[in-house]
Amino acid sequence: MEHAIFPSDLMQLQADWHRTYEARAAPGRTASTVLRRRLYWLSVRLWWHPYWTGPGRMPAARTELSRQARVLLGQR
């Protein structure tokens, strides 16, 4: 898939999702209710973002968004 250009707010949401997921998955984490709720809220915002309502938005674009957000965060 060619590199899609995503809106900056969508990229920020995805990066926040990855940061929250990593924080929740950290070893020794006991009080994760707040992080779980934030992860749920971010997931809903990502799913219903207006970018996905445009024509030609294929499921592979969601994978590419996640990949680009990880690169932005310096992850693999």
PDB file of N, CA and C in Angstrom:
ATOM      1  N   MET A   1       0.847  -1.174   0.000  1.00  0.00           N
ATOM      2  CA  MET A   1       0.000   0.000   0.000  1.00  0.00           C
ATOM      3  C   MET A   1       0.886   1.228   0.000  1.00  0.00           C
ATOM      4  N   GLU A   2       0.569   2.186  -0.846  1.00  0.00           N
ATOM      5  CA  GLU A   2       1.343   3.416  -0.844  1.00  0.00           C
ATOM      6  C   GLU A   2       1.091   4.179   0.445  1.00  0.00           C
ATOM      7  N   HIS A   3       2.035   5.015   0.806  1.00  0.00           N
ATOM      8  CA  HIS A   3       1.937   5.737   2.068  1.00  0.00           C
ATOM      9  C   HIS A   3       0.824   6.773   2.008  1.00  0.00           C
ATOM     10  N   ALA A   4      -0.178   6.557   2.828  1.00  0.00           N
ATOM     11  CA  ALA A   4      -1.315   7.470   2.888  1.00  0.00           C
ATOM     12  C   ALA A   4      -0.957   8.667   3.755  1.00  0.00           C
ATOM     13  N   ILE A   5      -1.569   9.791   3.439  1.00  0.00           N
ATOM     14  CA  ILE A   5      -1.406  10.982   4.253  1.00  0.00           C
ATOM     15  C   ILE A   5      -2.648  11.088   5.125  1.00  0.00           C
ATOM     16  N   PHE A   6      -2.430  10.987   6.420  1.00  0.00           N
ATOM     17  CA  PHE A   6      -3.529  11.022   7.375  1.00  0.00           C
ATOM     18  C   PHE A   6      -3.604  12.399   8.024  1.00  0.00           C
ATOM     19  N   PRO A   7      -4.799  12.820   8.423  1.00  0.00           N
ATOM     20  CA  PRO A   7      -4.934  14.083   9.140  1.00  0.00           C
ATOM     21  C   PRO A   7      -4.142  14.041  10.450  1.00  0.00           C
ATOM     22  N   SER A   8      -3.623  15.191  10.849  1.00  0.00           N
ATOM     23  CA  SER A   8      -2.782  15.235  12.048  1.00  0.00           C
ATOM     24  C   SER A   8      -3.549  14.826  13.308  1.00  0.00           C
ATOM     25  N   ASP A   9      -4.843  15.168  13.399  1.00  0.00           N
ATOM     26  CA  ASP A   9      -5.602  14.773  14.593  1.00  0.00           C
ATOM     27  C   ASP A   9      -5.793  13.261  14.657  1.00  0.00           C
ATOM     28  N   LEU A  10      -5.923  12.628  13.511  1.00  0.00           N
ATOM     29  CA  LEU A  10      -6.054  11.174  13.467  1.00  0.00           C
ATOM     30  C   LEU A  10      -4.730  10.507  13.863  1.00  0.00           C
ATOM     31  N   MET A  11      -3.624  11.049  13.373  1.00  0.00           N
ATOM     32  CA  MET A  11      -2.310  10.523  13.757  1.00  0.00           C
ATOM     33  C   MET A  11      -2.085  10.679  15.260  1.00  0.00           C
ATOM     34  N   GLN A  12      -2.514  11.810  15.809  1.00  0.00           N
ATOM     35  CA  GLN A  12      -2.349  12.045  17.248  1.00  0.00           C
ATOM     36  C   GLN A  12      -3.179  11.055  18.058  1.00  0.00           C
ATOM     37  N   LEU A  13      -4.416  10.807  17.619  1.00  0.00           N
ATOM     38  CA  LEU A  13      -5.263   9.825  18.302  1.00  0.00           C
ATOM     39  C   LEU A  13      -4.610   8.446  18.308  1.00  0.00           C
ATOM     40  N   GLN A  14      -4.077   8.050  17.149  1.00  0.00           N
ATOM     41  CA  GLN A  14      -3.453   6.727  17.058  1.00  0.00           C
ATOM     42  C   GLN A  14      -2.204   6.654  17.932  1.00  0.00           C
ATOM     43  N   ALA A  15      -1.409   7.710  17.944  1.00  0.00           N
ATOM     44  CA  ALA A  15      -0.211   7.733  18.791  1.00  0.00           C
ATOM     45  C   ALA A  15      -0.603   7.670  20.268  1.00  0.00           C
ATOM     46  N   ASP A  16      -1.640   8.406  20.656  1.00  0.00           N
ATOM     47  CA  ASP A  16      -2.131   8.353  22.037  1.00  0.00           C
ATOM     48  C   ASP A  16      -2.617   6.954  22.387  1.00  0.00           C
ATOM     49  N   TRP A  17      -3.286   6.301  21.433  1.00  0.00           N
ATOM     50  CA  TRP A  17      -3.757   4.926  21.654  1.00  0.00           C
ATOM     51  C   TRP A  17      -2.570   4.002  21.942  1.00  0.00           C
ATOM     52  N   HIS A  18      -1.508   4.103  21.132  1.00  0.00           N
ATOM     53  CA  HIS A  18      -0.334   3.253  21.336  1.00  0.00           C
ATOM     54  C   HIS A  18       0.336   3.537  22.682  1.00  0.00           C
ATOM     55  N   ARG A  19       0.460   4.816  23.041  1.00  0.00           N
ATOM     56  CA  ARG A  19       1.065   5.166  24.328  1.00  0.00           C
ATOM     57  C   ARG A  19       0.257   4.597  25.487  1.00  0.00           C
ATOM     58  N   THR A  20      -1.058   4.721  25.403  1.00  0.00           N
ATOM     59  CA  THR A  20      -1.934   4.220  26.470  1.00  0.00           C
ATOM     60  C   THR A  20      -1.860   2.700  26.550  1.00  0.00           C
ATOM     61  N   TYR A  21      -1.854   2.043  25.408  1.00  0.00           N
ATOM     62  CA  TYR A  21      -1.762   0.578  25.383  1.00  0.00           C
ATOM     63  C   TYR A  21      -0.454   0.118  26.024  1.00  0.00           C
ATOM     64  N   GLU A  22       0.653   0.776  25.665  1.00  0.00           N
ATOM     65  CA  GLU A  22       1.950   0.407  26.238  1.00  0.00           C
ATOM     66  C   GLU A  22       1.973   0.647  27.744  1.00  0.00           C
ATOM     67  N   ALA A  23       1.382   1.745  28.193  1.00  0.00           N
ATOM     68  CA  ALA A  23       1.341   2.038  29.632  1.00  0.00           C
ATOM     69  C   ALA A  23       0.517   0.988  30.367  1.00  0.00           C
ATOM     70  N   ARG A  24      -0.584   0.572  29.762  1.00  0.00           N
ATOM     71  CA  ARG A  24      -1.444  -0.435  30.399  1.00  0.00           C
ATOM     72  C   ARG A  24      -0.780  -1.801  30.423  1.00  0.00           C
ATOM     73  N   ALA A  25       0.026  -2.096  29.417  1.00  0.00           N
ATOM     74  CA  ALA A  25       0.681  -3.403  29.330  1.00  0.00           C
ATOM     75  C   ALA A  25       1.981  -3.468  30.131  1.00  0.00           C
ATOM     76  N   ALA A  26       2.392  -2.363  30.714  1.00  0.00           N
ATOM     77  CA  ALA A  26       3.650  -2.332  31.461  1.00  0.00           C
ATOM     78  C   ALA A  26       3.593  -3.297  32.645  1.00  0.00           C
ATOM     79  N   PRO A  27       4.692  -3.994  32.907  1.00  0.00           N
ATOM     80  CA  PRO A  27       4.711  -4.931  34.029  1.00  0.00           C
ATOM     81  C   PRO A  27       4.541  -4.205  35.366  1.00  0.00           C
ATOM     82  N   GLY A  28       3.833  -4.842  36.271  1.00  0.00           N
ATOM     83  CA  GLY A  28       3.621  -4.269  37.592  1.00  0.00           C
ATOM     84  C   GLY A  28       2.469  -3.285  37.665  1.00  0.00           C
ATOM     85  N   ARG A  29       1.741  -3.131  36.592  1.00  0.00           N
ATOM     86  CA  ARG A  29       0.618  -2.196  36.549  1.00  0.00           C
ATOM     87  C   ARG A  29      -0.560  -2.831  37.271  1.00  0.00           C
ATOM     88  N   THR A  30      -1.054  -2.204  38.335  1.00  0.00           N
ATOM     89  CA  THR A  30      -2.169  -2.780  39.088  1.00  0.00           C
ATOM     90  C   THR A  30      -3.451  -1.988  38.895  1.00  0.00           C
ATOM     91  N   ALA A  31      -3.389  -0.671  38.980  1.00  0.00           N
ATOM     92  CA  ALA A  31      -4.589   0.157  38.850  1.00  0.00           C
ATOM     93  C   ALA A  31      -4.716   0.610  37.403  1.00  0.00           C
ATOM     94  N   SER A  32      -5.310  -0.235  36.578  1.00  0.00           N
ATOM     95  CA  SER A  32      -5.363   0.081  35.152  1.00  0.00           C
ATOM     96  C   SER A  32      -6.763   0.465  34.683  1.00  0.00           C
ATOM     97  N   THR A  33      -7.691   0.705  35.593  1.00  0.00           N
ATOM     98  CA  THR A  33      -9.049   1.060  35.186  1.00  0.00           C
ATOM     99  C   THR A  33      -9.071   2.345  34.383  1.00  0.00           C
ATOM    100  N   VAL A  34      -8.324   3.333  34.820  1.00  0.00           N
ATOM    101  CA  VAL A  34      -8.280   4.616  34.106  1.00  0.00           C
ATOM    102  C   VAL A  34      -7.692   4.415  32.714  1.00  0.00           C
ATOM    103  N   LEU A  35      -6.629   3.641  32.621  1.00  0.00           N
ATOM    104  CA  LEU A  35      -6.015   3.398  31.314  1.00  0.00           C
ATOM    105  C   LEU A  35      -6.931   2.591  30.407  1.00  0.00           C
ATOM    106  N   ARG A  36      -7.633   1.610  30.976  1.00  0.00           N
ATOM    107  CA  ARG A  36      -8.567   0.809  30.183  1.00  0.00           C
ATOM    108  C   ARG A  36      -9.689   1.679  29.627  1.00  0.00           C
ATOM    109  N   ARG A  37     -10.214   2.583  30.445  1.00  0.00           N
ATOM    110  CA  ARG A  37     -11.268   3.486  29.986  1.00  0.00           C
ATOM    111  C   ARG A  37     -10.752   4.442  28.917  1.00  0.00           C
ATOM    112  N   ARG A  38      -9.532   4.936  29.111  1.00  0.00           N
ATOM    113  CA  ARG A  38      -8.950   5.832  28.103  1.00  0.00           C
ATOM    114  C   ARG A  38      -8.729   5.083  26.795  1.00  0.00           C
ATOM    115  N   LEU A  39      -8.263   3.843  26.877  1.00  0.00           N
ATOM    116  CA  LEU A  39      -8.055   3.040  25.675  1.00  0.00           C
ATOM    117  C   LEU A  39      -9.371   2.820  24.936  1.00  0.00           C
ATOM    118  N   TYR A  40     -10.424   2.547  25.683  1.00  0.00           N
ATOM    119  CA  TYR A  40     -11.746   2.376  25.072  1.00  0.00           C
ATOM    120  C   TYR A  40     -12.189   3.670  24.396  1.00  0.00           C
ATOM    121  N   TRP A  41     -12.043   4.794  25.085  1.00  0.00           N
ATOM    122  CA  TRP A  41     -12.456   6.093  24.550  1.00  0.00           C
ATOM    123  C   TRP A  41     -11.673   6.420  23.278  1.00  0.00           C
ATOM    124  N   LEU A  42     -10.357   6.178  23.295  1.00  0.00           N
ATOM    125  CA  LEU A  42      -9.542   6.436  22.114  1.00  0.00           C
ATOM    126  C   LEU A  42      -9.932   5.511  20.961  1.00  0.00           C
ATOM    127  N   SER A  43     -10.251   4.259  21.263  1.00  0.00           N
ATOM    128  CA  SER A  43     -10.667   3.311  20.227  1.00  0.00           C
ATOM    129  C   SER A  43     -11.947   3.773  19.537  1.00  0.00           C
ATOM    130  N   VAL A  44     -12.887   4.263  20.322  1.00  0.00           N
ATOM    131  CA  VAL A  44     -14.146   4.762  19.749  1.00  0.00           C
ATOM    132  C   VAL A  44     -13.872   5.980  18.876  1.00  0.00           C
ATOM    133  N   ARG A  45     -13.043   6.888  19.358  1.00  0.00           N
ATOM    134  CA  ARG A  45     -12.716   8.091  18.580  1.00  0.00           C
ATOM    135  C   ARG A  45     -12.023   7.733  17.270  1.00  0.00           C
ATOM    136  N   LEU A  46     -11.114   6.750  17.328  1.00  0.00           N
ATOM    137  CA  LEU A  46     -10.430   6.314  16.108  1.00  0.00           C
ATOM    138  C   LEU A  46     -11.407   5.685  15.117  1.00  0.00           C
ATOM    139  N   TRP A  47     -12.268   4.820  15.621  1.00  0.00           N
ATOM    140  CA  TRP A  47     -13.208   4.109  14.746  1.00  0.00           C
ATOM    141  C   TRP A  47     -14.153   5.068  14.024  1.00  0.00           C
ATOM    142  N   TRP A  48     -14.652   6.077  14.737  1.00  0.00           N
ATOM    143  CA  TRP A  48     -15.653   6.975  14.170  1.00  0.00           C
ATOM    144  C   TRP A  48     -15.087   8.291  13.644  1.00  0.00           C
ATOM    145  N   HIS A  49     -13.779   8.365  13.463  1.00  0.00           N
ATOM    146  CA  HIS A  49     -13.172   9.590  12.930  1.00  0.00           C
ATOM    147  C   HIS A  49     -13.723   9.853  11.523  1.00  0.00           C
ATOM    148  N   PRO A  50     -14.010  11.114  11.188  1.00  0.00           N
ATOM    149  CA  PRO A  50     -14.578  11.448   9.873  1.00  0.00           C
ATOM    150  C   PRO A  50     -13.710  11.023   8.687  1.00  0.00           C
ATOM    151  N   TYR A  51     -12.426  10.837   8.876  1.00  0.00           N
ATOM    152  CA  TYR A  51     -11.545  10.418   7.783  1.00  0.00           C
ATOM    153  C   TYR A  51     -12.015   9.112   7.148  1.00  0.00           C
ATOM    154  N   TRP A  52     -12.550   8.208   7.954  1.00  0.00           N
ATOM    155  CA  TRP A  52     -12.921   6.880   7.459  1.00  0.00           C
ATOM    156  C   TRP A  52     -14.208   6.877   6.641  1.00  0.00           C
ATOM    157  N   THR A  53     -14.944   7.982   6.608  1.00  0.00           N
ATOM    158  CA  THR A  53     -16.196   8.008   5.846  1.00  0.00           C
ATOM    159  C   THR A  53     -15.985   8.377   4.386  1.00  0.00           C
ATOM    160  N   GLY A  54     -14.787   8.790   4.020  1.00  0.00           N
ATOM    161  CA  GLY A  54     -14.507   9.165   2.638  1.00  0.00           C
ATOM    162  C   GLY A  54     -14.477   7.956   1.719  1.00  0.00           C
ATOM    163  N   PRO A  55     -14.614   8.190   0.433  1.00  0.00           N
ATOM    164  CA  PRO A  55     -14.591   7.082  -0.528  1.00  0.00           C
ATOM    165  C   PRO A  55     -13.194   6.459  -0.619  1.00  0.00           C
ATOM    166  N   GLY A  56     -13.161   5.165  -0.791  1.00  0.00           N
ATOM    167  CA  GLY A  56     -11.907   4.449  -0.987  1.00  0.00           C
ATOM    168  C   GLY A  56     -11.106   4.213   0.276  1.00  0.00           C
ATOM    169  N   ARG A  57     -11.726   4.358   1.433  1.00  0.00           N
ATOM    170  CA  ARG A  57     -11.003   4.116   2.687  1.00  0.00           C
ATOM    171  C   ARG A  57     -11.075   2.624   2.995  1.00  0.00           C
ATOM    172  N   MET A  58     -10.006   1.916   2.665  1.00  0.00           N
ATOM    173  CA  MET A  58      -9.996   0.466   2.830  1.00  0.00           C
ATOM    174  C   MET A  58      -9.436   0.069   4.188  1.00  0.00           C
ATOM    175  N   PRO A  59      -9.732  -1.156   4.645  1.00  0.00           N
ATOM    176  CA  PRO A  59      -9.228  -1.606   5.941  1.00  0.00           C
ATOM    177  C   PRO A  59      -7.702  -1.542   6.054  1.00  0.00           C
ATOM    178  N   ALA A  60      -7.004  -1.695   4.943  1.00  0.00           N
ATOM    179  CA  ALA A  60      -5.540  -1.629   4.988  1.00  0.00           C
ATOM    180  C   ALA A  60      -5.062  -0.256   5.435  1.00  0.00           C
ATOM    181  N   ALA A  61      -5.870   0.766   5.239  1.00  0.00           N
ATOM    182  CA  ALA A  61      -5.490   2.114   5.662  1.00  0.00           C
ATOM    183  C   ALA A  61      -5.385   2.194   7.179  1.00  0.00           C
ATOM    184  N   ARG A  62      -6.229   1.453   7.889  1.00  0.00           N
ATOM    185  CA  ARG A  62      -6.149   1.445   9.359  1.00  0.00           C
ATOM    186  C   ARG A  62      -4.831   0.822   9.815  1.00  0.00           C
ATOM    187  N   THR A  63      -4.392  -0.211   9.131  1.00  0.00           N
ATOM    188  CA  THR A  63      -3.120  -0.836   9.445  1.00  0.00           C
ATOM    189  C   THR A  63      -1.969   0.119   9.154  1.00  0.00           C
ATOM    190  N   GLU A  64      -2.058   0.823   8.035  1.00  0.00           N
ATOM    191  CA  GLU A  64      -1.024   1.790   7.679  1.00  0.00           C
ATOM    192  C   GLU A  64      -0.976   2.931   8.686  1.00  0.00           C
ATOM    193  N   LEU A  65      -2.123   3.374   9.166  1.00  0.00           N
ATOM    194  CA  LEU A  65      -2.172   4.417  10.193  1.00  0.00           C
ATOM    195  C   LEU A  65      -1.442   3.948  11.444  1.00  0.00           C
ATOM    196  N   SER A  66      -1.698   2.736  11.868  1.00  0.00           N
ATOM    197  CA  SER A  66      -1.051   2.194  13.048  1.00  0.00           C
ATOM    198  C   SER A  66       0.463   2.098  12.839  1.00  0.00           C
ATOM    199  N   ARG A  67       0.874   1.648  11.663  1.00  0.00           N
ATOM    200  CA  ARG A  67       2.298   1.534  11.360  1.00  0.00           C
ATOM    201  C   ARG A  67       2.969   2.907  11.401  1.00  0.00           C
ATOM    202  N   GLN A  68       2.355   3.899  10.775  1.00  0.00           N
ATOM    203  CA  GLN A  68       2.937   5.236  10.749  1.00  0.00           C
ATOM    204  C   GLN A  68       2.996   5.850  12.154  1.00  0.00           C
ATOM    205  N   ALA A  69       1.993   5.595  12.971  1.00  0.00           N
ATOM    206  CA  ALA A  69       1.993   6.122  14.342  1.00  0.00           C
ATOM    207  C   ALA A  69       3.118   5.488  15.160  1.00  0.00           C
ATOM    208  N   ARG A  70       3.367   4.189  14.941  1.00  0.00           N
ATOM    209  CA  ARG A  70       4.463   3.529  15.654  1.00  0.00           C
ATOM    210  C   ARG A  70       5.802   4.100  15.227  1.00  0.00           C
ATOM    211  N   VAL A  71       5.954   4.387  13.941  1.00  0.00           N
ATOM    212  CA  VAL A  71       7.194   5.000  13.453  1.00  0.00           C
ATOM    213  C   VAL A  71       7.362   6.374  14.095  1.00  0.00           C
ATOM    214  N   LEU A  72       6.278   7.118  14.179  1.00  0.00           N
ATOM    215  CA  LEU A  72       6.297   8.434  14.804  1.00  0.00           C
ATOM    216  C   LEU A  72       6.747   8.353  16.264  1.00  0.00           C
ATOM    217  N   LEU A  73       6.327   7.291  16.958  1.00  0.00           N
ATOM    218  CA  LEU A  73       6.696   7.105  18.358  1.00  0.00           C
ATOM    219  C   LEU A  73       8.048   6.445  18.544  1.00  0.00           C
ATOM    220  N   GLY A  74       8.660   6.017  17.443  1.00  0.00           N
ATOM    221  CA  GLY A  74       9.963   5.371  17.529  1.00  0.00           C
ATOM    222  C   GLY A  74       9.892   3.896  17.867  1.00  0.00           C
ATOM    223  N   GLN A  75       8.722   3.275  17.659  1.00  0.00           N
ATOM    224  CA  GLN A  75       8.560   1.845  17.891  1.00  0.00           C
ATOM    225  C   GLN A  75       8.660   1.134  16.561  1.00  0.00           C
ATOM    226  N   ARG A  76       8.701  -0.223  16.617  1.00  0.00           N
ATOM    227  CA  ARG A  76       8.739  -1.000  15.380  1.00  0.00           C
ATOM    228  C   ARG A  76       7.390  -1.284  14.851  1.00  0.00           C
TER     229      ARG A  76
END
